[in-house]
Amino acid sequence: MTIDIKKCILEDSRKLQEISYETFSETFKHQNSSENMNAYLERAFNLKQLEKELSNISSQFFFVYFNNEVAGYLKVNTNDAQSEEMGDESLEIERVYIKSKFQKHGLGKYLLNKAIEIALECNKKKIWLGVWEKNENAIAFYKKMEFVHTGAHAFYMGDEKQTDFIMTKELELAGE
């Protein structure tokens, strides 16, 4: 079993689009209407949007490979790329998705640890994410990883307003 990580570049936009569609659909299609799913997928993961995000210097994407196959991805944001105003001392994990066939292999933890590593390299004091209030498996995972529920914000799935819990983890910077 080999696990590798690779930073995405602009030329990866099609591969990123494919895995974004696949993992988001696997995760949420059973709990949302097909109309709202399709509207969200088209808005969030069209090539123009993904290329814009890949070109933003305050955002980074990473593919995780399991035995040389793309198994999932991570997106982190700093500064004004964060989806909420959390300040300069924060890093957002905007997306962390693993294909269902690769779940239960520690890849989510691997990507979360990569995000923490990036946050520490950037001298961030906290890391945060939004997670749908009905995504109980993800919430339990984040709690296990020492994230704490600190708030909520609205998330639109097509025309349906949903609630994401904001979960935060305080980081200890070297020398503190």
N, C-alpha and C. Protein backbone atom coordinates (compact mmCIF):
# COMPACT_ATOMS: atom_id res chain seq x y z
N MET A 1 0.84 -1.19 0.00
CA MET A 1 0.00 0.00 0.00
C MET A 1 0.88 1.24 0.00
N THR A 2 0.71 2.08 -1.01
CA THR A 2 1.45 3.34 -1.05
C THR A 2 0.47 4.50 -1.09
N ILE A 3 0.79 5.53 -0.30
CA ILE A 3 0.01 6.77 -0.28
C ILE A 3 0.95 7.89 -0.67
N ASP A 4 0.54 8.67 -1.66
CA ASP A 4 1.32 9.81 -2.12
C ASP A 4 0.40 11.02 -2.22
N ILE A 5 1.01 12.19 -2.19
CA ILE A 5 0.25 13.43 -2.34
C ILE A 5 0.94 14.29 -3.39
N LYS A 6 0.15 14.97 -4.20
CA LYS A 6 0.70 15.82 -5.26
C LYS A 6 -0.09 17.12 -5.30
N LYS A 7 0.62 18.23 -5.31
CA LYS A 7 -0.04 19.53 -5.44
C LYS A 7 -0.60 19.67 -6.85
N CYS A 8 -1.82 20.15 -6.94
CA CYS A 8 -2.47 20.33 -8.25
C CYS A 8 -1.98 21.62 -8.91
N ILE A 9 -1.90 21.55 -10.21
CA ILE A 9 -1.56 22.72 -11.02
C ILE A 9 -2.71 22.95 -12.01
N LEU A 10 -2.65 24.08 -12.70
CA LEU A 10 -3.72 24.46 -13.61
C LEU A 10 -4.04 23.36 -14.63
N GLU A 11 -3.01 22.66 -15.09
CA GLU A 11 -3.22 21.59 -16.07
C GLU A 11 -3.99 20.40 -15.50
N ASP A 12 -4.17 20.36 -14.20
CA ASP A 12 -4.93 19.29 -13.55
C ASP A 12 -6.42 19.59 -13.46
N SER A 13 -6.88 20.68 -14.06
CA SER A 13 -8.26 21.13 -13.86
C SER A 13 -9.30 20.07 -14.27
N ARG A 14 -9.07 19.37 -15.36
CA ARG A 14 -10.05 18.34 -15.79
C ARG A 14 -10.08 17.16 -14.82
N LYS A 15 -8.92 16.72 -14.39
CA LYS A 15 -8.85 15.63 -13.42
C LYS A 15 -9.49 16.06 -12.10
N LEU A 16 -9.27 17.32 -11.71
CA LEU A 16 -9.89 17.85 -10.50
C LEU A 16 -11.41 17.91 -10.66
N GLN A 17 -11.86 18.31 -11.82
CA GLN A 17 -13.31 18.35 -12.07
C GLN A 17 -13.91 16.95 -11.95
N GLU A 18 -13.28 15.96 -12.53
CA GLU A 18 -13.78 14.59 -12.49
C GLU A 18 -13.92 14.09 -11.06
N ILE A 19 -12.87 14.26 -10.26
CA ILE A 19 -12.91 13.75 -8.89
C ILE A 19 -13.86 14.58 -8.03
N SER A 20 -13.98 15.86 -8.33
CA SER A 20 -14.92 16.71 -7.59
C SER A 20 -16.36 16.25 -7.81
N TYR A 21 -16.72 16.03 -9.06
CA TYR A 21 -18.06 15.53 -9.38
C TYR A 21 -18.31 14.19 -8.70
N GLU A 22 -17.34 13.28 -8.86
CA GLU A 22 -17.52 11.92 -8.35
C GLU A 22 -17.67 11.90 -6.82
N THR A 23 -16.76 12.54 -6.13
CA THR A 23 -16.78 12.45 -4.66
C THR A 23 -17.94 13.24 -4.06
N PHE A 24 -18.27 14.40 -4.61
CA PHE A 24 -19.38 15.17 -4.07
C PHE A 24 -20.69 14.42 -4.29
N SER A 25 -20.84 13.83 -5.47
CA SER A 25 -22.05 13.06 -5.76
C SER A 25 -22.17 11.85 -4.84
N GLU A 26 -21.09 11.10 -4.69
CA GLU A 26 -21.11 9.94 -3.81
C GLU A 26 -21.53 10.33 -2.39
N THR A 27 -21.04 11.47 -1.94
CA THR A 27 -21.27 11.90 -0.56
C THR A 27 -22.68 12.41 -0.33
N PHE A 28 -23.24 13.15 -1.28
CA PHE A 28 -24.47 13.89 -1.00
C PHE A 28 -25.69 13.56 -1.87
N LYS A 29 -25.56 12.75 -2.91
CA LYS A 29 -26.68 12.53 -3.82
C LYS A 29 -27.88 11.86 -3.15
N HIS A 30 -27.65 11.07 -2.12
CA HIS A 30 -28.75 10.35 -1.48
C HIS A 30 -29.59 11.23 -0.57
N GLN A 31 -29.07 12.42 -0.24
CA GLN A 31 -29.78 13.29 0.69
C GLN A 31 -30.26 14.59 0.05
N ASN A 32 -30.10 14.72 -1.25
CA ASN A 32 -30.47 15.95 -1.94
C ASN A 32 -31.17 15.63 -3.26
N SER A 33 -31.99 16.55 -3.72
CA SER A 33 -32.67 16.33 -4.99
C SER A 33 -31.65 16.38 -6.13
N SER A 34 -31.95 15.67 -7.21
CA SER A 34 -31.03 15.66 -8.35
C SER A 34 -30.93 17.06 -8.96
N GLU A 35 -32.02 17.85 -8.91
CA GLU A 35 -31.98 19.22 -9.45
C GLU A 35 -30.99 20.08 -8.66
N ASN A 36 -31.07 20.00 -7.33
CA ASN A 36 -30.15 20.80 -6.51
C ASN A 36 -28.71 20.30 -6.63
N MET A 37 -28.53 18.99 -6.70
CA MET A 37 -27.18 18.43 -6.89
C MET A 37 -26.59 18.93 -8.20
N ASN A 38 -27.35 18.79 -9.28
CA ASN A 38 -26.84 19.19 -10.60
C ASN A 38 -26.53 20.69 -10.65
N ALA A 39 -27.38 21.50 -10.05
CA ALA A 39 -27.14 22.95 -10.03
C ALA A 39 -25.86 23.27 -9.27
N TYR A 40 -25.67 22.62 -8.13
CA TYR A 40 -24.47 22.88 -7.34
C TYR A 40 -23.22 22.39 -8.08
N LEU A 41 -23.25 21.18 -8.61
CA LEU A 41 -22.09 20.64 -9.32
C LEU A 41 -21.68 21.55 -10.47
N GLU A 42 -22.65 22.03 -11.23
CA GLU A 42 -22.34 22.90 -12.36
C GLU A 42 -21.77 24.24 -11.92
N ARG A 43 -22.28 24.78 -10.83
CA ARG A 43 -21.79 26.07 -10.34
C ARG A 43 -20.40 25.94 -9.71
N ALA A 44 -20.23 24.94 -8.87
CA ALA A 44 -18.99 24.83 -8.09
C ALA A 44 -17.84 24.19 -8.85
N PHE A 45 -18.14 23.29 -9.78
CA PHE A 45 -17.08 22.49 -10.38
C PHE A 45 -16.97 22.63 -11.90
N ASN A 46 -17.52 23.72 -12.47
CA ASN A 46 -17.29 23.92 -13.90
C ASN A 46 -15.82 24.29 -14.10
N LEU A 47 -15.30 24.03 -15.29
CA LEU A 47 -13.86 24.22 -15.52
C LEU A 47 -13.40 25.65 -15.28
N LYS A 48 -14.19 26.61 -15.70
CA LYS A 48 -13.82 28.01 -15.50
C LYS A 48 -13.66 28.33 -14.01
N GLN A 49 -14.59 27.85 -13.19
CA GLN A 49 -14.53 28.07 -11.75
C GLN A 49 -13.31 27.38 -11.14
N LEU A 50 -13.07 26.13 -11.50
CA LEU A 50 -11.92 25.40 -10.95
C LEU A 50 -10.60 26.04 -11.37
N GLU A 51 -10.52 26.51 -12.62
CA GLU A 51 -9.29 27.17 -13.08
C GLU A 51 -9.06 28.47 -12.31
N LYS A 52 -10.14 29.19 -12.01
CA LYS A 52 -10.04 30.41 -11.21
C LYS A 52 -9.50 30.08 -9.81
N GLU A 53 -10.03 29.01 -9.20
CA GLU A 53 -9.59 28.62 -7.85
C GLU A 53 -8.14 28.12 -7.88
N LEU A 54 -7.78 27.35 -8.90
CA LEU A 54 -6.40 26.85 -9.01
C LEU A 54 -5.40 27.99 -9.22
N SER A 55 -5.85 29.08 -9.80
CA SER A 55 -4.98 30.23 -10.07
C SER A 55 -4.86 31.18 -8.88
N ASN A 56 -5.68 31.00 -7.86
CA ASN A 56 -5.67 31.89 -6.69
C ASN A 56 -4.48 31.52 -5.80
N ILE A 57 -3.59 32.48 -5.56
CA ILE A 57 -2.38 32.19 -4.77
C ILE A 57 -2.69 31.89 -3.30
N SER A 58 -3.90 32.19 -2.86
CA SER A 58 -4.28 31.92 -1.47
C SER A 58 -5.03 30.59 -1.33
N SER A 59 -5.11 29.82 -2.40
CA SER A 59 -5.74 28.50 -2.37
C SER A 59 -4.76 27.46 -2.88
N GLN A 60 -4.83 26.26 -2.32
CA GLN A 60 -4.01 25.16 -2.79
C GLN A 60 -4.87 23.89 -2.85
N PHE A 61 -4.66 23.10 -3.89
CA PHE A 61 -5.31 21.80 -4.05
C PHE A 61 -4.25 20.71 -4.06
N PHE A 62 -4.61 19.57 -3.53
CA PHE A 62 -3.72 18.41 -3.53
C PHE A 62 -4.52 17.16 -3.86
N PHE A 63 -3.95 16.31 -4.72
CA PHE A 63 -4.52 14.99 -4.96
C PHE A 63 -3.83 14.03 -4.01
N VAL A 64 -4.59 13.07 -3.48
CA VAL A 64 -4.00 11.98 -2.73
C VAL A 64 -4.14 10.73 -3.59
N TYR A 65 -3.03 9.98 -3.69
CA TYR A 65 -2.99 8.77 -4.49
C TYR A 65 -2.88 7.56 -3.56
N PHE A 66 -3.64 6.54 -3.87
CA PHE A 66 -3.56 5.28 -3.15
C PHE A 66 -3.18 4.22 -4.18
N ASN A 67 -2.00 3.62 -4.00
CA ASN A 67 -1.47 2.67 -4.98
C ASN A 67 -1.52 3.24 -6.41
N ASN A 68 -1.06 4.47 -6.54
CA ASN A 68 -0.91 5.18 -7.82
C ASN A 68 -2.23 5.56 -8.49
N GLU A 69 -3.35 5.49 -7.80
CA GLU A 69 -4.64 5.91 -8.35
C GLU A 69 -5.15 7.11 -7.54
N VAL A 70 -5.65 8.13 -8.24
CA VAL A 70 -6.21 9.28 -7.53
C VAL A 70 -7.37 8.80 -6.68
N ALA A 71 -7.26 9.03 -5.36
CA ALA A 71 -8.26 8.52 -4.42
C ALA A 71 -9.08 9.63 -3.79
N GLY A 72 -8.58 10.87 -3.86
CA GLY A 72 -9.29 11.97 -3.24
C GLY A 72 -8.52 13.26 -3.43
N TYR A 73 -9.02 14.32 -2.77
CA TYR A 73 -8.33 15.60 -2.88
C TYR A 73 -8.63 16.49 -1.69
N LEU A 74 -7.81 17.51 -1.57
CA LEU A 74 -7.88 18.50 -0.49
C LEU A 74 -7.80 19.88 -1.10
N LYS A 75 -8.58 20.82 -0.56
CA LYS A 75 -8.45 22.23 -0.92
C LYS A 75 -8.34 23.03 0.36
N VAL A 76 -7.29 23.86 0.47
CA VAL A 76 -7.13 24.75 1.62
C VAL A 76 -7.06 26.19 1.14
N ASN A 77 -7.52 27.09 2.01
CA ASN A 77 -7.54 28.53 1.70
C ASN A 77 -6.94 29.31 2.86
N THR A 78 -6.25 30.38 2.50
CA THR A 78 -5.78 31.35 3.48
C THR A 78 -6.24 32.74 3.02
N ASN A 79 -5.99 33.70 3.88
CA ASN A 79 -6.26 35.10 3.56
C ASN A 79 -7.68 35.30 3.04
N ASP A 80 -7.84 36.08 1.96
CA ASP A 80 -9.19 36.41 1.46
C ASP A 80 -9.83 35.28 0.66
N ALA A 81 -9.14 34.17 0.45
CA ALA A 81 -9.75 33.02 -0.24
C ALA A 81 -10.66 32.22 0.70
N GLN A 82 -10.55 32.45 2.00
CA GLN A 82 -11.41 31.74 2.95
C GLN A 82 -12.87 32.09 2.68
N SER A 83 -13.74 31.12 2.85
CA SER A 83 -15.16 31.32 2.55
C SER A 83 -15.89 32.08 3.67
N GLU A 84 -15.24 32.27 4.79
CA GLU A 84 -15.74 33.09 5.90
C GLU A 84 -14.60 33.99 6.36
N GLU A 85 -14.94 35.13 6.92
CA GLU A 85 -13.93 36.05 7.46
C GLU A 85 -13.42 35.48 8.78
N MET A 86 -12.27 34.83 8.72
CA MET A 86 -11.70 34.21 9.92
C MET A 86 -10.36 34.82 10.32
N GLY A 87 -9.90 35.77 9.53
CA GLY A 87 -8.67 36.47 9.89
C GLY A 87 -7.41 35.83 9.33
N ASP A 88 -6.32 36.57 9.48
CA ASP A 88 -5.03 36.17 8.93
C ASP A 88 -4.39 35.00 9.65
N GLU A 89 -4.86 34.69 10.86
CA GLU A 89 -4.24 33.60 11.63
C GLU A 89 -4.92 32.26 11.41
N SER A 90 -5.80 32.19 10.39
CA SER A 90 -6.57 30.97 10.14
C SER A 90 -6.31 30.40 8.76
N LEU A 91 -6.45 29.08 8.67
CA LEU A 91 -6.42 28.37 7.40
C LEU A 91 -7.72 27.57 7.32
N GLU A 92 -8.38 27.65 6.18
CA GLU A 92 -9.62 26.92 5.96
C GLU A 92 -9.37 25.64 5.16
N ILE A 93 -9.95 24.55 5.62
CA ILE A 93 -10.05 23.35 4.80
C ILE A 93 -11.41 23.46 4.12
N GLU A 94 -11.41 23.86 2.86
CA GLU A 94 -12.69 24.03 2.17
C GLU A 94 -13.24 22.72 1.66
N ARG A 95 -12.35 21.84 1.19
CA ARG A 95 -12.81 20.55 0.66
C ARG A 95 -11.81 19.47 1.05
N VAL A 96 -12.34 18.37 1.52
CA VAL A 96 -11.56 17.15 1.72
C VAL A 96 -12.49 15.99 1.38
N TYR A 97 -12.21 15.34 0.26
CA TYR A 97 -13.06 14.28 -0.24
C TYR A 97 -12.23 13.07 -0.64
N ILE A 98 -12.75 11.90 -0.30
CA ILE A 98 -12.13 10.63 -0.65
C ILE A 98 -13.18 9.81 -1.40
N LYS A 99 -12.79 9.21 -2.53
CA LYS A 99 -13.71 8.32 -3.25
C LYS A 99 -14.15 7.22 -2.29
N SER A 100 -15.41 6.81 -2.41
CA SER A 100 -15.95 5.83 -1.45
C SER A 100 -15.14 4.54 -1.42
N LYS A 101 -14.64 4.09 -2.55
CA LYS A 101 -13.90 2.81 -2.57
C LYS A 101 -12.54 2.91 -1.86
N PHE A 102 -12.10 4.13 -1.55
CA PHE A 102 -10.83 4.32 -0.86
C PHE A 102 -11.01 4.75 0.59
N GLN A 103 -12.24 4.85 1.04
CA GLN A 103 -12.47 5.26 2.42
C GLN A 103 -12.08 4.12 3.36
N LYS A 104 -11.80 4.48 4.60
CA LYS A 104 -11.37 3.54 5.65
C LYS A 104 -9.93 3.05 5.45
N HIS A 105 -9.13 3.86 4.75
CA HIS A 105 -7.70 3.56 4.57
C HIS A 105 -6.82 4.64 5.20
N GLY A 106 -7.42 5.57 5.96
CA GLY A 106 -6.64 6.61 6.61
C GLY A 106 -6.32 7.80 5.72
N LEU A 107 -6.94 7.88 4.54
CA LEU A 107 -6.61 8.95 3.61
C LEU A 107 -7.16 10.31 4.05
N GLY A 108 -8.34 10.32 4.67
CA GLY A 108 -8.90 11.57 5.19
C GLY A 108 -7.99 12.15 6.27
N LYS A 109 -7.53 11.29 7.15
CA LYS A 109 -6.60 11.73 8.20
C LYS A 109 -5.29 12.22 7.58
N TYR A 110 -4.84 11.55 6.56
CA TYR A 110 -3.62 11.93 5.86
C TYR A 110 -3.76 13.34 5.28
N LEU A 111 -4.91 13.62 4.63
CA LEU A 111 -5.14 14.94 4.05
C LEU A 111 -5.31 16.01 5.13
N LEU A 112 -6.00 15.67 6.22
CA LEU A 112 -6.14 16.63 7.32
C LEU A 112 -4.78 16.98 7.90
N ASN A 113 -3.94 15.99 8.06
CA ASN A 113 -2.59 16.24 8.57
C ASN A 113 -1.78 17.10 7.61
N LYS A 114 -2.00 16.94 6.30
CA LYS A 114 -1.34 17.79 5.30
C LYS A 114 -1.79 19.24 5.48
N ALA A 115 -3.09 19.44 5.70
CA ALA A 115 -3.62 20.79 5.92
C ALA A 115 -3.02 21.41 7.17
N ILE A 116 -2.90 20.63 8.24
CA ILE A 116 -2.29 21.13 9.48
C ILE A 116 -0.84 21.50 9.25
N GLU A 117 -0.12 20.66 8.51
CA GLU A 117 1.28 20.94 8.17
C GLU A 117 1.41 22.27 7.42
N ILE A 118 0.53 22.51 6.45
CA ILE A 118 0.54 23.76 5.69
C ILE A 118 0.24 24.94 6.62
N ALA A 119 -0.74 24.78 7.48
CA ALA A 119 -1.10 25.85 8.42
C ALA A 119 0.08 26.20 9.31
N LEU A 120 0.76 25.21 9.83
CA LEU A 120 1.92 25.47 10.70
C LEU A 120 3.06 26.14 9.93
N GLU A 121 3.29 25.69 8.69
CA GLU A 121 4.31 26.32 7.85
C GLU A 121 4.00 27.80 7.61
N CYS A 122 2.71 28.13 7.57
CA CYS A 122 2.27 29.51 7.32
C CYS A 122 2.03 30.27 8.63
N ASN A 123 2.42 29.67 9.76
CA ASN A 123 2.25 30.29 11.08
C ASN A 123 0.80 30.64 11.42
N LYS A 124 -0.11 29.76 11.02
CA LYS A 124 -1.52 29.95 11.35
C LYS A 124 -1.78 29.37 12.75
N LYS A 125 -2.65 30.04 13.50
CA LYS A 125 -2.95 29.59 14.86
C LYS A 125 -4.16 28.69 14.95
N LYS A 126 -4.97 28.68 13.89
CA LYS A 126 -6.11 27.76 13.89
C LYS A 126 -6.44 27.32 12.47
N ILE A 127 -7.11 26.19 12.43
CA ILE A 127 -7.55 25.60 11.18
C ILE A 127 -9.05 25.34 11.34
N TRP A 128 -9.81 25.56 10.29
CA TRP A 128 -11.26 25.42 10.41
C TRP A 128 -11.86 24.88 9.13
N LEU A 129 -13.11 24.43 9.25
CA LEU A 129 -13.83 23.90 8.10
C LEU A 129 -15.32 24.01 8.35
N GLY A 130 -16.08 23.91 7.27
CA GLY A 130 -17.53 23.83 7.36
C GLY A 130 -17.96 22.43 6.97
N VAL A 131 -18.88 21.86 7.73
CA VAL A 131 -19.36 20.51 7.46
C VAL A 131 -20.88 20.49 7.61
N TRP A 132 -21.57 19.90 6.64
CA TRP A 132 -23.03 19.87 6.65
C TRP A 132 -23.53 19.22 7.94
N GLU A 133 -24.48 19.85 8.57
CA GLU A 133 -25.00 19.37 9.85
C GLU A 133 -25.54 17.95 9.78
N LYS A 134 -25.91 17.47 8.59
CA LYS A 134 -26.44 16.11 8.45
C LYS A 134 -25.37 15.09 8.07
N ASN A 135 -24.12 15.52 7.92
CA ASN A 135 -23.03 14.62 7.56
C ASN A 135 -22.40 14.08 8.85
N GLU A 136 -23.13 13.17 9.48
CA GLU A 136 -22.73 12.68 10.80
C GLU A 136 -21.38 11.96 10.81
N ASN A 137 -21.08 11.20 9.75
CA ASN A 137 -19.80 10.50 9.69
C ASN A 137 -18.64 11.49 9.68
N ALA A 138 -18.77 12.55 8.88
CA ALA A 138 -17.70 13.55 8.80
C ALA A 138 -17.56 14.29 10.13
N ILE A 139 -18.68 14.65 10.74
CA ILE A 139 -18.63 15.36 12.03
C ILE A 139 -17.91 14.50 13.07
N ALA A 140 -18.25 13.22 13.13
CA ALA A 140 -17.60 12.32 14.09
C ALA A 140 -16.10 12.23 13.80
N PHE A 141 -15.73 12.16 12.52
CA PHE A 141 -14.31 12.11 12.14
C PHE A 141 -13.58 13.37 12.58
N TYR A 142 -14.18 14.53 12.33
CA TYR A 142 -13.51 15.78 12.70
C TYR A 142 -13.38 15.91 14.22
N LYS A 143 -14.39 15.47 14.95
CA LYS A 143 -14.28 15.48 16.41
C LYS A 143 -13.13 14.58 16.87
N LYS A 144 -13.02 13.43 16.25
CA LYS A 144 -11.92 12.51 16.57
C LYS A 144 -10.56 13.18 16.30
N MET A 145 -10.53 14.04 15.30
CA MET A 145 -9.31 14.77 14.94
C MET A 145 -9.15 16.07 15.74
N GLU A 146 -9.96 16.20 16.80
CA GLU A 146 -9.88 17.31 17.77
C GLU A 146 -10.38 18.65 17.25
N PHE A 147 -11.31 18.60 16.30
CA PHE A 147 -12.00 19.82 15.88
C PHE A 147 -13.20 20.01 16.80
N VAL A 148 -13.53 21.28 17.07
CA VAL A 148 -14.63 21.62 17.96
C VAL A 148 -15.65 22.46 17.20
N HIS A 149 -16.93 22.18 17.43
CA HIS A 149 -18.01 22.94 16.80
C HIS A 149 -18.00 24.35 17.40
N THR A 150 -17.77 25.37 16.55
CA THR A 150 -17.65 26.75 17.04
C THR A 150 -18.65 27.71 16.41
N GLY A 151 -19.48 27.23 15.49
CA GLY A 151 -20.44 28.13 14.85
C GLY A 151 -21.14 27.43 13.71
N ALA A 152 -21.77 28.24 12.85
CA ALA A 152 -22.49 27.71 11.70
C ALA A 152 -22.56 28.79 10.62
N HIS A 153 -22.77 28.35 9.39
CA HIS A 153 -23.04 29.28 8.30
C HIS A 153 -23.93 28.61 7.27
N ALA A 154 -24.52 29.43 6.42
CA ALA A 154 -25.42 28.93 5.38
C ALA A 154 -24.61 28.38 4.21
N PHE A 155 -25.15 27.33 3.61
CA PHE A 155 -24.57 26.70 2.43
C PHE A 155 -25.73 26.44 1.48
N TYR A 156 -25.57 26.80 0.23
CA TYR A 156 -26.67 26.61 -0.72
C TYR A 156 -26.38 25.43 -1.64
N MET A 157 -27.28 24.44 -1.58
CA MET A 157 -27.24 23.29 -2.48
C MET A 157 -28.33 23.57 -3.51
N GLY A 158 -27.90 24.12 -4.65
CA GLY A 158 -28.89 24.58 -5.63
C GLY A 158 -29.66 25.73 -4.99
N ASP A 159 -30.99 25.60 -4.91
CA ASP A 159 -31.78 26.67 -4.30
C ASP A 159 -32.16 26.36 -2.85
N GLU A 160 -31.63 25.26 -2.30
CA GLU A 160 -31.95 24.89 -0.92
C GLU A 160 -30.89 25.41 0.05
N LYS A 161 -31.34 26.19 1.02
CA LYS A 161 -30.44 26.69 2.05
C LYS A 161 -30.22 25.59 3.10
N GLN A 162 -28.96 25.25 3.32
CA GLN A 162 -28.61 24.25 4.32
C GLN A 162 -27.68 24.88 5.35
N THR A 163 -27.46 24.18 6.44
CA THR A 163 -26.59 24.69 7.49
C THR A 163 -25.33 23.84 7.58
N ASP A 164 -24.20 24.51 7.53
CA ASP A 164 -22.90 23.88 7.78
C ASP A 164 -22.45 24.28 9.18
N PHE A 165 -22.00 23.29 9.94
CA PHE A 165 -21.34 23.59 11.21
C PHE A 165 -19.93 24.05 10.90
N ILE A 166 -19.48 25.07 11.61
CA ILE A 166 -18.08 25.47 11.53
C ILE A 166 -17.36 24.74 12.67
N MET A 167 -16.30 24.03 12.30
CA MET A 167 -15.50 23.31 13.28
C MET A 167 -14.07 23.82 13.20
N THR A 168 -13.48 24.01 14.38
CA THR A 168 -12.18 24.67 14.49
C THR A 168 -11.22 23.83 15.32
N LYS A 169 -9.97 23.92 14.98
CA LYS A 169 -8.91 23.27 15.77
C LYS A 169 -7.83 24.31 16.01
N GLU A 170 -7.51 24.53 17.27
CA GLU A 170 -6.42 25.44 17.63
C GLU A 170 -5.09 24.70 17.40
N LEU A 171 -4.10 25.41 16.88
CA LEU A 171 -2.79 24.83 16.61
C LEU A 171 -1.74 25.42 17.54
N GLU A 172 -0.76 24.63 17.86
CA GLU A 172 0.36 25.11 18.67
C GLU A 172 1.53 25.36 17.74
N LEU A 173 1.91 26.63 17.65
CA LEU A 173 3.05 26.98 16.82
C LEU A 173 4.34 26.66 17.57
N ALA A 174 5.37 26.32 16.84
CA ALA A 174 6.67 26.02 17.45
C ALA A 174 7.13 27.21 18.29
N GLY A 175 7.59 26.92 19.48
CA GLY A 175 8.11 27.97 20.36
C GLY A 175 7.05 28.62 21.22
N GLU A 176 5.82 28.20 21.14
CA GLU A 176 4.75 28.80 21.97
C GLU A 176 4.45 27.93 23.16
